[in-house]
Structures are given as structure tokens and as C-alpha cells.
Amino acid sequence: MTDCCHLWRIAVVGTSDEVFGKMFNAPLAFPADFEGWRHAARRALTLGLPPEDLSFSVGDAAPGLFAEPLPEPPENALQPTVPKAFPEPRPQARLPCR
């Protein structure tokens, strides 16, 4: 399968069929693990993965049936950046209790 997104992943990100069209899982230590989520999101972005190809599992929970561990990006991959005006996250925020 060759489309413009696939060609972009090969040219810019340096990945090809090794991640294209697969489902990946990123483990989180606990439900509100912001640092773990951010690390996994940056890796997925660097690999050129669309959000629908990434799932998260918490603690010892089993990942999806077809999900593979999220691979490390190539060493020469571009690192994602955000503008300085981007709002700072608030990891100390609490989830509402029910």
C-alpha cells in the first residue's frame, strides 16, 4: 500500500512498513500517568503513527490482542517540538472522584 502519508513516513520519519498499519500499545504506570503518556505520544509522533494506531494499558493490564509494544524511533528521527507559548501541563491536577 503506497499513499502520500506512507511516503511521508519513509521520507521524513525514516520508517516504512515496520510500523505502517499496525496497532501499538504503550504501558502507563497508573491511570493519570502524564509523563508516561507524553513520552509515548512523542515516540508515536516521531514514528509517524496516527492516534488510532496507538492504545494504552495501565499497570499490569493486558494490551489489546493485536497490539505490539511501541518501538523506539530511529536515532536520526526528527524530535517533535512545540512553541514556547504552548500551555504548560498541570500534572498535579486531580481527577474528579465519583
Protein backbone atom coordinates (compact mmCIF):
# COMPACT_ATOMS: atom_id res chain seq x y z
CA MET A 1 0.00 0.00 0.00
CA THR A 2 1.51 3.32 -1.03
CA ASP A 3 -0.16 6.62 -0.29
CA CYS A 4 1.10 10.13 0.46
CA CYS A 5 1.19 9.51 4.25
CA HIS A 6 3.19 6.32 3.77
CA LEU A 7 5.70 8.12 1.52
CA TRP A 8 5.95 10.97 4.05
CA ARG A 9 6.77 8.48 6.82
CA ILE A 10 9.56 6.99 4.73
CA ALA A 11 10.99 10.36 3.62
CA VAL A 12 10.66 12.41 6.80
CA VAL A 13 10.42 9.98 9.68
CA GLY A 14 12.54 7.21 8.24
CA THR A 15 10.07 4.42 8.92
CA SER A 16 8.25 2.24 6.46
CA ASP A 17 6.21 -0.96 6.66
CA GLU A 18 7.68 -1.83 10.06
CA VAL A 19 5.07 0.43 11.71
CA PHE A 20 2.61 1.21 8.92
CA GLY A 21 -0.85 -0.25 9.51
CA LYS A 22 -0.01 -1.96 12.82
CA MET A 23 -1.51 -1.43 16.26
CA PHE A 24 0.83 -0.50 19.11
CA ASN A 25 0.47 -0.32 22.87
CA ALA A 26 2.16 1.97 25.37
CA PRO A 27 2.01 0.98 29.03
CA LEU A 28 1.23 3.58 31.70
CA ALA A 29 2.18 3.17 35.35
CA PHE A 30 -1.20 4.45 36.62
CA PRO A 31 -4.35 5.99 35.07
CA ALA A 32 -3.16 9.62 35.31
CA ASP A 33 0.48 8.93 34.30
CA PHE A 34 1.02 12.17 32.38
CA GLU A 35 4.78 11.70 31.94
CA GLY A 36 4.32 8.17 30.57
CA TRP A 37 1.59 9.37 28.21
CA ARG A 38 3.70 12.30 26.99
CA HIS A 39 6.73 10.07 26.38
CA ALA A 40 4.62 7.57 24.41
CA ALA A 41 2.86 10.32 22.44
CA ARG A 42 6.20 11.85 21.41
CA ARG A 43 7.53 8.45 20.32
CA ALA A 44 4.38 7.80 18.30
CA LEU A 45 4.58 11.24 16.68
CA THR A 46 8.25 10.71 15.84
CA LEU A 47 7.37 7.36 14.25
CA GLY A 48 4.58 8.97 12.26
CA LEU A 49 1.88 6.84 13.88
CA PRO A 50 -1.69 8.11 13.64
CA PRO A 51 -3.51 8.26 17.00
CA GLU A 52 -5.85 5.43 16.05
CA ASP A 53 -2.86 3.04 15.84
CA LEU A 54 -1.87 3.58 19.49
CA SER A 55 -3.51 2.21 22.62
CA PHE A 56 -2.57 2.46 26.28
CA SER A 57 -2.66 -0.09 29.05
CA VAL A 58 -2.44 0.71 32.76
CA GLY A 59 -0.31 -1.21 35.23
CA ASP A 60 -0.45 -4.97 34.70
CA ALA A 61 -3.46 -4.81 32.37
CA ALA A 62 -3.04 -6.80 29.18
CA PRO A 63 -2.67 -4.79 25.97
CA GLY A 64 -5.02 -5.30 23.05
CA LEU A 65 -4.96 -8.65 21.32
CA PHE A 66 -3.06 -7.45 18.24
CA ALA A 67 -1.10 -4.58 19.83
CA GLU A 68 2.69 -4.73 19.74
CA PRO A 69 4.99 -2.78 22.07
CA LEU A 70 5.65 0.74 20.85
CA PRO A 71 9.09 0.67 19.17
CA GLU A 72 11.84 3.17 19.77
CA PRO A 73 12.20 5.76 16.98
CA PRO A 74 15.33 5.72 14.80
CA GLU A 75 18.25 7.71 16.20
CA ASN A 76 18.19 10.12 13.25
CA ALA A 77 14.44 10.85 13.54
CA LEU A 78 13.32 14.45 13.99
CA GLN A 79 12.17 15.25 17.53
CA PRO A 80 8.75 16.90 17.93
CA THR A 81 8.70 20.41 19.34
CA VAL A 82 6.00 22.84 20.41
CA PRO A 83 6.09 26.65 20.54
CA LYS A 84 7.15 28.30 23.81
CA ALA A 85 3.67 29.81 24.08
CA PHE A 86 2.23 26.28 24.33
CA PRO A 87 0.49 25.94 27.72
CA GLU A 88 2.35 24.02 30.37
CA PRO A 89 0.62 20.84 31.51
CA ARG A 90 -0.61 20.56 35.06
CA PRO A 91 0.37 17.07 36.19
CA GLN A 92 -0.68 17.89 39.74
CA ALA A 93 -4.33 18.26 38.65
CA ARG A 94 -6.66 15.73 40.24
CA LEU A 95 -9.27 13.66 38.52
CA PRO A 96 -12.78 14.12 39.97
CA CYS A 97 -13.91 11.36 42.32
CA ARG A 98 -17.28 9.74 41.84
